[in-house]
N, C-alpha and C. Protein backbone atom coordinates (compact mmCIF):
# COMPACT_ATOMS: atom_id res chain seq x y z
N MET A 1 0.84 -1.19 0.00
CA MET A 1 0.00 0.00 0.00
C MET A 1 0.88 1.25 0.00
N LYS A 2 0.35 2.25 -0.57
CA LYS A 2 1.08 3.51 -0.59
C LYS A 2 0.85 4.24 0.72
N ARG A 3 1.71 5.15 0.98
CA ARG A 3 1.65 5.92 2.22
C ARG A 3 0.34 6.70 2.31
N GLY A 4 -0.14 7.23 1.23
CA GLY A 4 -1.39 7.99 1.22
C GLY A 4 -2.59 7.11 1.53
N GLN A 5 -2.57 5.90 1.01
CA GLN A 5 -3.66 4.96 1.28
C GLN A 5 -3.65 4.53 2.74
N GLN A 6 -2.46 4.34 3.30
CA GLN A 6 -2.36 3.96 4.71
C GLN A 6 -2.94 5.06 5.60
N ARG A 7 -2.64 6.29 5.27
CA ARG A 7 -3.17 7.42 6.06
C ARG A 7 -4.71 7.48 5.94
N ALA A 8 -5.20 7.21 4.75
CA ALA A 8 -6.66 7.25 4.55
C ALA A 8 -7.34 6.13 5.35
N VAL A 9 -6.72 4.94 5.38
CA VAL A 9 -7.28 3.84 6.15
C VAL A 9 -7.25 4.17 7.64
N LYS A 10 -6.14 4.74 8.12
CA LYS A 10 -6.04 5.13 9.54
C LYS A 10 -7.08 6.18 9.88
N ALA A 11 -7.24 7.15 9.00
CA ALA A 11 -8.23 8.21 9.25
C ALA A 11 -9.64 7.61 9.28
N GLY A 12 -9.91 6.68 8.37
CA GLY A 12 -11.22 6.02 8.36
C GLY A 12 -11.47 5.23 9.63
N LEU A 13 -10.45 4.50 10.09
CA LEU A 13 -10.60 3.75 11.33
C LEU A 13 -10.81 4.68 12.52
N TRP A 14 -10.10 5.80 12.56
CA TRP A 14 -10.30 6.76 13.65
C TRP A 14 -11.72 7.31 13.63
N MET A 15 -12.21 7.61 12.43
CA MET A 15 -13.58 8.14 12.32
C MET A 15 -14.61 7.10 12.78
N MET A 16 -14.39 5.85 12.38
CA MET A 16 -15.30 4.79 12.83
C MET A 16 -15.24 4.63 14.34
N GLY A 17 -14.06 4.70 14.93
CA GLY A 17 -13.92 4.60 16.38
C GLY A 17 -14.63 5.74 17.08
N LEU A 18 -14.45 6.97 16.58
CA LEU A 18 -15.12 8.12 17.19
C LEU A 18 -16.64 8.00 17.08
N CYS A 19 -17.10 7.54 15.92
CA CYS A 19 -18.56 7.35 15.76
C CYS A 19 -19.08 6.29 16.73
N LEU A 20 -18.33 5.22 16.91
CA LEU A 20 -18.74 4.17 17.83
C LEU A 20 -18.79 4.69 19.26
N VAL A 21 -17.76 5.43 19.67
CA VAL A 21 -17.74 6.01 21.02
C VAL A 21 -18.89 7.00 21.17
N GLY A 22 -19.12 7.81 20.15
CA GLY A 22 -20.24 8.76 20.19
C GLY A 22 -21.57 8.05 20.30
N PHE A 23 -21.71 6.95 19.61
CA PHE A 23 -22.95 6.19 19.65
C PHE A 23 -23.17 5.58 21.03
N ILE A 24 -22.11 5.03 21.61
CA ILE A 24 -22.23 4.38 22.92
C ILE A 24 -22.47 5.41 24.02
N ILE A 25 -21.73 6.48 24.00
CA ILE A 25 -21.85 7.48 25.08
C ILE A 25 -22.96 8.48 24.78
N GLY A 26 -23.21 8.74 23.51
CA GLY A 26 -24.15 9.79 23.12
C GLY A 26 -25.59 9.51 23.50
N ARG A 27 -26.02 8.28 23.35
CA ARG A 27 -27.43 7.98 23.65
C ARG A 27 -27.78 8.23 25.11
N PRO A 28 -27.04 7.66 26.08
CA PRO A 28 -27.38 7.95 27.47
C PRO A 28 -27.26 9.43 27.81
N LEU A 29 -26.25 10.08 27.24
CA LEU A 29 -26.06 11.51 27.49
C LEU A 29 -27.24 12.29 26.93
N TYR A 30 -27.71 11.93 25.75
CA TYR A 30 -28.85 12.60 25.15
C TYR A 30 -30.09 12.47 26.03
N TRP A 31 -30.38 11.25 26.48
CA TRP A 31 -31.57 11.03 27.31
C TRP A 31 -31.44 11.72 28.66
N HIS A 32 -30.23 11.75 29.20
CA HIS A 32 -30.01 12.42 30.49
C HIS A 32 -30.25 13.92 30.34
N LEU A 33 -29.72 14.51 29.28
CA LEU A 33 -29.92 15.95 29.05
C LEU A 33 -31.38 16.26 28.75
N THR A 34 -32.02 15.44 27.95
CA THR A 34 -33.44 15.65 27.63
C THR A 34 -34.29 15.59 28.89
N GLU A 35 -33.99 14.62 29.75
CA GLU A 35 -34.72 14.49 31.00
C GLU A 35 -34.48 15.70 31.90
N GLY A 36 -33.26 16.18 31.92
CA GLY A 36 -32.93 17.36 32.73
C GLY A 36 -33.66 18.59 32.24
N PHE A 37 -33.69 18.80 30.93
CA PHE A 37 -34.38 19.96 30.38
C PHE A 37 -35.88 19.86 30.61
N SER A 38 -36.44 18.68 30.47
CA SER A 38 -37.88 18.54 30.68
C SER A 38 -38.24 18.74 32.14
N SER A 39 -37.39 18.29 33.06
CA SER A 39 -37.69 18.48 34.48
C SER A 39 -37.59 19.95 34.85
N VAL A 40 -36.69 20.70 34.22
CA VAL A 40 -36.59 22.14 34.48
C VAL A 40 -37.85 22.83 34.01
N SER A 41 -38.35 22.48 32.83
CA SER A 41 -39.56 23.12 32.32
C SER A 41 -40.78 22.72 33.15
N ILE A 42 -40.82 21.46 33.64
CA ILE A 42 -41.93 21.01 34.49
C ILE A 42 -41.87 21.72 35.83
N ARG A 43 -40.68 21.86 36.39
CA ARG A 43 -40.54 22.57 37.68
C ARG A 43 -40.98 24.01 37.54
N HIS A 44 -40.65 24.62 36.40
CA HIS A 44 -41.05 26.01 36.18
C HIS A 44 -42.56 26.11 36.14
N ARG A 45 -43.23 25.16 35.48
CA ARG A 45 -44.69 25.18 35.42
C ARG A 45 -45.29 24.88 36.78
N LYS A 46 -44.69 23.94 37.53
CA LYS A 46 -45.22 23.58 38.84
C LYS A 46 -44.99 24.69 39.86
N SER A 47 -43.92 25.44 39.70
CA SER A 47 -43.64 26.50 40.67
C SER A 47 -44.72 27.56 40.64
N LEU A 48 -45.42 27.66 39.54
CA LEU A 48 -46.51 28.62 39.46
C LEU A 48 -47.73 28.14 40.23
N SER A 49 -47.95 26.81 40.35
CA SER A 49 -49.16 26.30 40.96
C SER A 49 -48.94 25.72 42.36
N CYS A 50 -47.82 25.05 42.61
CA CYS A 50 -47.59 24.44 43.91
C CYS A 50 -46.10 24.50 44.24
N PRO A 51 -45.76 24.29 45.53
CA PRO A 51 -44.34 24.35 45.90
C PRO A 51 -43.55 23.19 45.29
N LEU A 52 -42.27 23.42 45.15
CA LEU A 52 -41.37 22.43 44.56
C LEU A 52 -41.29 21.19 45.44
N CYS A 53 -41.38 20.04 44.83
CA CYS A 53 -41.31 18.77 45.55
C CYS A 53 -39.88 18.27 45.49
N ASP A 54 -39.25 18.11 46.63
CA ASP A 54 -37.88 17.61 46.69
C ASP A 54 -37.95 16.09 46.79
N CYS A 55 -37.77 15.43 45.68
CA CYS A 55 -37.92 13.97 45.64
C CYS A 55 -36.57 13.30 45.73
N ASP A 56 -36.53 12.23 46.51
CA ASP A 56 -35.32 11.42 46.64
C ASP A 56 -35.51 10.20 45.74
N CYS A 57 -34.93 10.26 44.56
CA CYS A 57 -35.08 9.16 43.61
C CYS A 57 -33.87 8.24 43.71
N SER A 58 -33.94 7.31 44.61
CA SER A 58 -32.84 6.35 44.75
C SER A 58 -32.96 5.28 43.68
N SER A 59 -31.91 4.47 43.54
CA SER A 59 -31.92 3.42 42.53
C SER A 59 -32.81 2.26 42.94
N GLN A 60 -33.02 2.04 44.22
CA GLN A 60 -33.87 0.95 44.71
C GLN A 60 -35.26 1.51 45.01
N PRO A 61 -36.32 0.90 44.52
CA PRO A 61 -37.67 1.39 44.82
C PRO A 61 -38.03 1.13 46.28
N LEU A 62 -38.90 2.00 46.80
CA LEU A 62 -39.33 1.84 48.19
C LEU A 62 -40.24 0.62 48.33
N LEU A 63 -41.09 0.42 47.37
CA LEU A 63 -41.99 -0.73 47.37
C LEU A 63 -41.75 -1.51 46.09
N SER A 64 -41.91 -2.79 46.18
CA SER A 64 -41.80 -3.60 44.97
C SER A 64 -43.15 -3.56 44.28
N LEU A 65 -43.23 -2.84 43.18
CA LEU A 65 -44.49 -2.62 42.49
C LEU A 65 -44.58 -3.49 41.25
N MET A 66 -45.81 -3.74 40.85
CA MET A 66 -46.03 -4.51 39.64
C MET A 66 -45.77 -3.63 38.43
N ASP A 67 -45.65 -4.26 37.27
CA ASP A 67 -45.42 -3.53 36.03
C ASP A 67 -46.56 -2.54 35.82
N GLY A 68 -46.21 -1.37 35.37
CA GLY A 68 -47.22 -0.37 35.09
C GLY A 68 -47.51 0.54 36.27
N LEU A 69 -47.12 0.16 37.49
CA LEU A 69 -47.38 0.99 38.66
C LEU A 69 -46.09 1.48 39.31
N ASN A 70 -44.97 1.29 38.67
CA ASN A 70 -43.69 1.65 39.24
C ASN A 70 -43.41 3.12 38.95
N ASN A 71 -43.62 4.00 39.93
CA ASN A 71 -43.41 5.43 39.78
C ASN A 71 -42.75 5.93 41.05
N HIS A 72 -41.44 6.15 41.01
CA HIS A 72 -40.69 6.53 42.21
C HIS A 72 -41.07 7.92 42.70
N SER A 73 -41.26 8.85 41.79
CA SER A 73 -41.57 10.21 42.22
C SER A 73 -42.91 10.25 42.96
N PHE A 74 -43.85 9.41 42.59
CA PHE A 74 -45.14 9.34 43.26
C PHE A 74 -44.96 8.95 44.73
N THR A 75 -44.18 7.91 45.00
CA THR A 75 -43.98 7.46 46.38
C THR A 75 -43.11 8.43 47.16
N ASP A 76 -42.15 9.10 46.49
CA ASP A 76 -41.30 10.06 47.20
C ASP A 76 -42.07 11.32 47.56
N CYS A 77 -42.86 11.83 46.65
CA CYS A 77 -43.54 13.09 46.88
C CYS A 77 -44.63 12.98 47.94
N MET A 78 -45.24 11.83 48.08
CA MET A 78 -46.31 11.73 49.07
C MET A 78 -45.75 11.67 50.49
N LYS A 79 -44.44 11.54 50.65
CA LYS A 79 -43.85 11.54 51.99
C LYS A 79 -43.84 12.94 52.59
N HIS A 80 -43.80 13.96 51.74
CA HIS A 80 -43.58 15.32 52.23
C HIS A 80 -44.84 16.01 52.73
N ASP A 81 -46.00 15.68 52.24
CA ASP A 81 -47.24 16.32 52.66
C ASP A 81 -48.07 15.29 53.42
N PRO A 82 -48.20 15.41 54.76
CA PRO A 82 -48.89 14.39 55.54
C PRO A 82 -50.37 14.21 55.16
N GLU A 83 -51.08 15.30 54.84
CA GLU A 83 -52.49 15.17 54.48
C GLU A 83 -52.66 14.40 53.17
N VAL A 84 -51.89 14.78 52.21
CA VAL A 84 -51.96 14.13 50.91
C VAL A 84 -51.39 12.72 51.01
N SER A 85 -50.40 12.57 51.86
CA SER A 85 -49.71 11.29 51.98
C SER A 85 -50.66 10.18 52.40
N GLU A 86 -51.48 10.42 53.42
CA GLU A 86 -52.40 9.38 53.90
C GLU A 86 -53.44 9.02 52.83
N GLU A 87 -54.02 10.04 52.21
CA GLU A 87 -55.04 9.78 51.20
C GLU A 87 -54.44 9.07 49.98
N MET A 88 -53.28 9.52 49.56
CA MET A 88 -52.62 8.90 48.41
C MET A 88 -52.20 7.47 48.72
N GLU A 89 -51.77 7.25 49.96
CA GLU A 89 -51.36 5.90 50.35
C GLU A 89 -52.55 4.95 50.32
N LYS A 90 -53.71 5.44 50.81
CA LYS A 90 -54.92 4.62 50.78
C LYS A 90 -55.31 4.31 49.33
N ASN A 91 -55.31 5.34 48.49
CA ASN A 91 -55.66 5.13 47.08
C ASN A 91 -54.66 4.18 46.41
N PHE A 92 -53.40 4.36 46.76
CA PHE A 92 -52.36 3.53 46.18
C PHE A 92 -52.53 2.07 46.60
N ILE A 93 -52.83 1.85 47.86
CA ILE A 93 -53.04 0.49 48.37
C ILE A 93 -54.29 -0.12 47.74
N ASP A 94 -55.35 0.69 47.61
CA ASP A 94 -56.56 0.20 46.95
C ASP A 94 -56.29 -0.19 45.50
N MET A 95 -55.49 0.62 44.82
CA MET A 95 -55.14 0.29 43.43
C MET A 95 -54.34 -1.01 43.37
N LEU A 96 -53.41 -1.17 44.31
CA LEU A 96 -52.61 -2.40 44.34
C LEU A 96 -53.49 -3.61 44.62
N LYS A 97 -54.42 -3.47 45.57
CA LYS A 97 -55.32 -4.58 45.89
C LYS A 97 -56.17 -4.95 44.67
N GLU A 98 -56.69 -3.92 44.00
CA GLU A 98 -57.52 -4.17 42.83
C GLU A 98 -56.70 -4.85 41.72
N GLU A 99 -55.47 -4.39 41.54
CA GLU A 99 -54.60 -5.00 40.53
C GLU A 99 -54.31 -6.46 40.86
N VAL A 100 -54.06 -6.75 42.13
CA VAL A 100 -53.79 -8.13 42.55
C VAL A 100 -55.03 -8.99 42.34
N LYS A 101 -56.21 -8.45 42.68
CA LYS A 101 -57.45 -9.20 42.47
C LYS A 101 -57.68 -9.49 40.99
N LEU A 102 -57.43 -8.50 40.15
CA LEU A 102 -57.60 -8.70 38.71
C LEU A 102 -56.63 -9.76 38.19
N GLN A 103 -55.39 -9.70 38.66
CA GLN A 103 -54.42 -10.70 38.22
C GLN A 103 -54.78 -12.09 38.73
N GLU A 104 -55.29 -12.18 39.96
CA GLU A 104 -55.73 -13.48 40.48
C GLU A 104 -56.90 -14.03 39.66
N ALA A 105 -57.85 -13.15 39.33
CA ALA A 105 -59.00 -13.58 38.53
C ALA A 105 -58.54 -14.04 37.15
N GLN A 106 -57.62 -13.30 36.56
CA GLN A 106 -57.10 -13.69 35.24
C GLN A 106 -56.36 -15.02 35.33
N ALA A 107 -55.57 -15.20 36.38
CA ALA A 107 -54.84 -16.46 36.55
C ALA A 107 -55.81 -17.62 36.76
N LEU A 108 -56.86 -17.40 37.54
CA LEU A 108 -57.87 -18.44 37.77
C LEU A 108 -58.58 -18.79 36.46
N GLU A 109 -58.93 -17.78 35.69
CA GLU A 109 -59.59 -18.02 34.40
C GLU A 109 -58.67 -18.79 33.46
N ASN A 110 -57.41 -18.40 33.42
CA ASN A 110 -56.44 -19.11 32.58
C ASN A 110 -56.28 -20.56 33.03
N GLN A 111 -56.28 -20.78 34.34
CA GLN A 111 -56.15 -22.14 34.87
C GLN A 111 -57.37 -22.98 34.49
N GLN A 112 -58.56 -22.39 34.59
CA GLN A 112 -59.77 -23.11 34.21
C GLN A 112 -59.78 -23.46 32.73
N LYS A 113 -59.34 -22.52 31.89
CA LYS A 113 -59.26 -22.80 30.46
C LYS A 113 -58.27 -23.93 30.19
N ALA A 114 -57.14 -23.89 30.87
CA ALA A 114 -56.13 -24.93 30.68
C ALA A 114 -56.67 -26.29 31.14
N ASP A 115 -57.39 -26.30 32.26
CA ASP A 115 -57.98 -27.55 32.74
C ASP A 115 -59.00 -28.10 31.75
N MET A 116 -59.84 -27.21 31.20
CA MET A 116 -60.84 -27.65 30.23
C MET A 116 -60.16 -28.19 28.97
N MET A 117 -59.11 -27.53 28.52
CA MET A 117 -58.39 -28.00 27.33
C MET A 117 -57.73 -29.34 27.60
N LEU A 118 -57.20 -29.52 28.81
CA LEU A 118 -56.58 -30.80 29.17
C LEU A 118 -57.62 -31.91 29.20
N LEU A 119 -58.79 -31.63 29.78
CA LEU A 119 -59.87 -32.62 29.82
C LEU A 119 -60.32 -32.98 28.40
N GLU A 120 -60.47 -31.98 27.56
CA GLU A 120 -60.86 -32.23 26.16
C GLU A 120 -59.81 -33.07 25.45
N ALA A 121 -58.55 -32.78 25.70
CA ALA A 121 -57.47 -33.56 25.07
C ALA A 121 -57.49 -35.00 25.56
N LYS A 122 -57.78 -35.19 26.85
CA LYS A 122 -57.87 -36.56 27.38
C LYS A 122 -59.03 -37.31 26.74
N LYS A 123 -60.17 -36.63 26.56
CA LYS A 123 -61.33 -37.27 25.92
C LYS A 123 -61.00 -37.67 24.49
N MET A 124 -60.36 -36.77 23.76
CA MET A 124 -60.01 -37.08 22.38
C MET A 124 -59.00 -38.22 22.31
N THR A 125 -58.05 -38.23 23.24
CA THR A 125 -57.07 -39.31 23.28
C THR A 125 -57.75 -40.64 23.53
N SER A 126 -58.70 -40.65 24.47
CA SER A 126 -59.44 -41.87 24.78
C SER A 126 -60.23 -42.34 23.56
N GLN A 127 -60.87 -41.41 22.88
CA GLN A 127 -61.66 -41.76 21.69
C GLN A 127 -60.75 -42.33 20.60
N PHE A 128 -59.62 -41.69 20.37
CA PHE A 128 -58.68 -42.20 19.36
C PHE A 128 -58.14 -43.56 19.75
N GLN A 129 -57.91 -43.77 21.04
CA GLN A 129 -57.40 -45.07 21.50
C GLN A 129 -58.45 -46.16 21.26
N LYS A 130 -59.74 -45.83 21.53
CA LYS A 130 -60.80 -46.80 21.27
C LYS A 130 -60.87 -47.14 19.79
N GLU A 131 -60.78 -46.11 18.94
CA GLU A 131 -60.82 -46.35 17.49
C GLU A 131 -59.63 -47.20 17.05
N ALA A 132 -58.47 -46.93 17.62
CA ALA A 132 -57.27 -47.72 17.28
C ALA A 132 -57.43 -49.17 17.73
N ASP A 133 -58.02 -49.36 18.93
CA ASP A 133 -58.26 -50.72 19.41
C ASP A 133 -59.23 -51.46 18.49
N LYS A 134 -60.31 -50.77 18.07
CA LYS A 134 -61.26 -51.38 17.14
C LYS A 134 -60.56 -51.77 15.85
N CYS A 135 -59.74 -50.88 15.35
CA CYS A 135 -59.04 -51.14 14.10
C CYS A 135 -58.09 -52.33 14.26
N SER A 136 -57.35 -52.35 15.36
CA SER A 136 -56.43 -53.48 15.61
C SER A 136 -57.19 -54.78 15.72
N SER A 137 -58.32 -54.76 16.44
CA SER A 137 -59.14 -55.96 16.59
C SER A 137 -59.66 -56.43 15.23
N GLY A 138 -60.13 -55.50 14.43
CA GLY A 138 -60.62 -55.84 13.09
C GLY A 138 -59.51 -56.40 12.22
N MET A 139 -58.32 -55.82 12.33
CA MET A 139 -57.18 -56.32 11.54
C MET A 139 -56.82 -57.73 11.97
N GLU A 140 -56.83 -57.99 13.29
CA GLU A 140 -56.51 -59.33 13.78
C GLU A 140 -57.55 -60.34 13.29
N THR A 141 -58.83 -59.97 13.38
CA THR A 141 -59.90 -60.86 12.93
C THR A 141 -59.76 -61.13 11.43
N CYS A 142 -59.49 -60.09 10.68
CA CYS A 142 -59.34 -60.23 9.24
C CYS A 142 -58.13 -61.11 8.91
N GLU A 143 -57.04 -60.91 9.62
CA GLU A 143 -55.83 -61.72 9.40
C GLU A 143 -56.08 -63.18 9.74
N GLU A 144 -56.79 -63.44 10.84
CA GLU A 144 -57.12 -64.82 11.22
C GLU A 144 -58.00 -65.47 10.16
N ALA A 145 -59.00 -64.74 9.68
CA ALA A 145 -59.90 -65.28 8.64
C ALA A 145 -59.12 -65.55 7.36
N ARG A 146 -58.21 -64.67 6.99
CA ARG A 146 -57.39 -64.89 5.79
C ARG A 146 -56.54 -66.14 5.94
N GLU A 147 -55.92 -66.29 7.12
CA GLU A 147 -55.08 -67.48 7.35
C GLU A 147 -55.92 -68.76 7.29
N LYS A 148 -57.13 -68.71 7.90
CA LYS A 148 -58.01 -69.89 7.86
C LYS A 148 -58.42 -70.20 6.43
N SER A 149 -58.79 -69.18 5.66
CA SER A 149 -59.22 -69.42 4.29
C SER A 149 -58.06 -69.92 3.44
N GLU A 150 -56.85 -69.41 3.67
CA GLU A 150 -55.69 -69.91 2.94
C GLU A 150 -55.43 -71.38 3.25
N SER A 151 -55.52 -71.74 4.54
CA SER A 151 -55.29 -73.14 4.91
C SER A 151 -56.41 -74.04 4.35
N ALA A 152 -57.66 -73.55 4.37
CA ALA A 152 -58.77 -74.32 3.80
C ALA A 152 -58.60 -74.48 2.30
N LEU A 153 -58.17 -73.42 1.62
CA LEU A 153 -57.93 -73.48 0.18
C LEU A 153 -56.81 -74.46 -0.14
N GLU A 154 -55.75 -74.40 0.64
CA GLU A 154 -54.64 -75.33 0.44
C GLU A 154 -55.09 -76.78 0.66
N ALA A 155 -55.89 -76.99 1.69
CA ALA A 155 -56.41 -78.34 1.96
C ALA A 155 -57.30 -78.80 0.82
N GLN A 156 -58.13 -77.89 0.32
CA GLN A 156 -59.02 -78.23 -0.80
C GLN A 156 -58.22 -78.54 -2.05
N ARG A 157 -57.16 -77.79 -2.32
CA ARG A 157 -56.31 -78.06 -3.48
C ARG A 157 -55.64 -79.43 -3.35
N SER A 158 -55.16 -79.71 -2.15
CA SER A 158 -54.52 -81.02 -1.94
C SER A 158 -55.53 -82.14 -2.16
N LEU A 159 -56.74 -81.98 -1.62
CA LEU A 159 -57.78 -82.99 -1.79
C LEU A 159 -58.15 -83.15 -3.27
N THR A 160 -58.28 -82.04 -3.97
CA THR A 160 -58.60 -82.08 -5.40
C THR A 160 -57.50 -82.77 -6.18
N ALA A 161 -56.26 -82.43 -5.87
CA ALA A 161 -55.13 -83.06 -6.57
C ALA A 161 -55.10 -84.56 -6.28
N MET A 162 -55.38 -84.95 -5.04
CA MET A 162 -55.39 -86.37 -4.69
C MET A 162 -56.47 -87.11 -5.46
N TRP A 163 -57.71 -86.55 -5.52
CA TRP A 163 -58.79 -87.21 -6.24
C TRP A 163 -58.50 -87.25 -7.74
N GLU A 164 -57.91 -86.21 -8.26
CA GLU A 164 -57.59 -86.21 -9.68
C GLU A 164 -56.51 -87.24 -9.98
N LEU A 165 -55.53 -87.37 -9.10
CA LEU A 165 -54.47 -88.38 -9.27
C LEU A 165 -55.07 -89.79 -9.24
N ARG A 166 -55.98 -90.05 -8.30
CA ARG A 166 -56.64 -91.37 -8.22
C ARG A 166 -57.44 -91.64 -9.49
N ALA A 167 -58.11 -90.60 -9.96
CA ALA A 167 -58.93 -90.78 -11.17
C ALA A 167 -58.03 -91.08 -12.36
N ARG A 168 -56.91 -90.42 -12.47
CA ARG A 168 -55.98 -90.67 -13.57
C ARG A 168 -55.39 -92.09 -13.47
N GLN A 169 -55.13 -92.52 -12.23
CA GLN A 169 -54.59 -93.87 -12.04
C GLN A 169 -55.61 -94.93 -12.49
N ARG A 170 -56.87 -94.61 -12.40
CA ARG A 170 -57.90 -95.58 -12.78
C ARG A 170 -58.33 -95.40 -14.24
N GLY A 171 -57.61 -94.56 -14.96
CA GLY A 171 -57.87 -94.48 -16.38
C GLY A 171 -58.61 -93.25 -16.84
N TRP A 172 -58.89 -92.33 -16.02
CA TRP A 172 -59.61 -91.13 -16.46
C TRP A 172 -58.65 -90.20 -17.16
N ARG A 173 -59.07 -89.69 -18.30
CA ARG A 173 -58.25 -88.74 -19.07
C ARG A 173 -59.10 -87.49 -19.31
N ASP A 174 -58.48 -86.37 -19.03
CA ASP A 174 -59.16 -85.08 -19.24
C ASP A 174 -58.64 -84.49 -20.52
N ASP A 175 -59.54 -84.16 -21.43
CA ASP A 175 -59.12 -83.61 -22.71
C ASP A 175 -58.81 -82.11 -22.61
N SER A 176 -59.29 -81.46 -21.60
CA SER A 176 -59.04 -80.02 -21.49
C SER A 176 -57.67 -79.76 -20.87
N ASP A 177 -57.02 -78.73 -21.32
CA ASP A 177 -55.69 -78.39 -20.81
C ASP A 177 -55.78 -77.55 -19.54
N GLU A 178 -56.94 -77.09 -19.22
CA GLU A 178 -57.09 -76.25 -18.04
C GLU A 178 -56.73 -77.00 -16.78
N SER A 179 -57.12 -78.22 -16.69
CA SER A 179 -56.83 -79.02 -15.51
C SER A 179 -55.35 -79.24 -15.37
N ASN A 180 -54.67 -79.54 -16.48
CA ASN A 180 -53.22 -79.77 -16.45
C ASN A 180 -52.47 -78.49 -16.07
N GLN A 181 -52.92 -77.39 -16.64
CA GLN A 181 -52.27 -76.12 -16.31
C GLN A 181 -52.47 -75.79 -14.84
N TYR A 182 -53.64 -76.10 -14.33
CA TYR A 182 -53.93 -75.83 -12.93
C TYR A 182 -53.01 -76.64 -12.03
N LEU A 183 -52.83 -77.91 -12.36
CA LEU A 183 -51.96 -78.77 -11.55
C LEU A 183 -50.50 -78.35 -11.66
N GLN A 184 -50.09 -77.92 -12.85
CA GLN A 184 -48.70 -77.52 -13.03
C GLN A 184 -48.40 -76.23 -12.29
N ASN A 185 -49.33 -75.33 -12.23
CA ASN A 185 -49.12 -74.06 -11.52
C ASN A 185 -49.04 -74.27 -10.02
N ASN A 186 -49.70 -75.31 -9.51
CA ASN A 186 -49.72 -75.51 -8.07
C ASN A 186 -48.78 -76.62 -7.75
């Protein structure tokens, strides 16, 4: 490679590295700054209507909440105003109870559906097993009848051949070739 091409490759690799670092660091930084700017504008709007709420947003939640109800600022802010705190706590507990009841009802309904489907599957399995047993029984009966008829046919052929042999020994001659062909084939 020429020296100019080597420099171009190095410059390209540096640009790719910078873009990768920017991509990795840029996204969290963007969301952090966006969140900061939005909280400043929200605080400015709230300062006009109510006092500023000093929320302690730790990394661990105070309560283990179900999906959809996890809001740290809600639990932090209700600590500061005792009147609102009691009412909000009651409402919050009622909401949690209702959510748990709904999830229990949904789980019970799902369990009942699963039980019904299992029962239906067992019924169908039993029905298919009965049909398979009937089919196997019919096949066995048919096979036994075929074996009996084959043995009876073989016995009849032997008896016919014996009588025909005796008849030939006593002078009987058959002019048709069908009888000879029949004996030769068997």
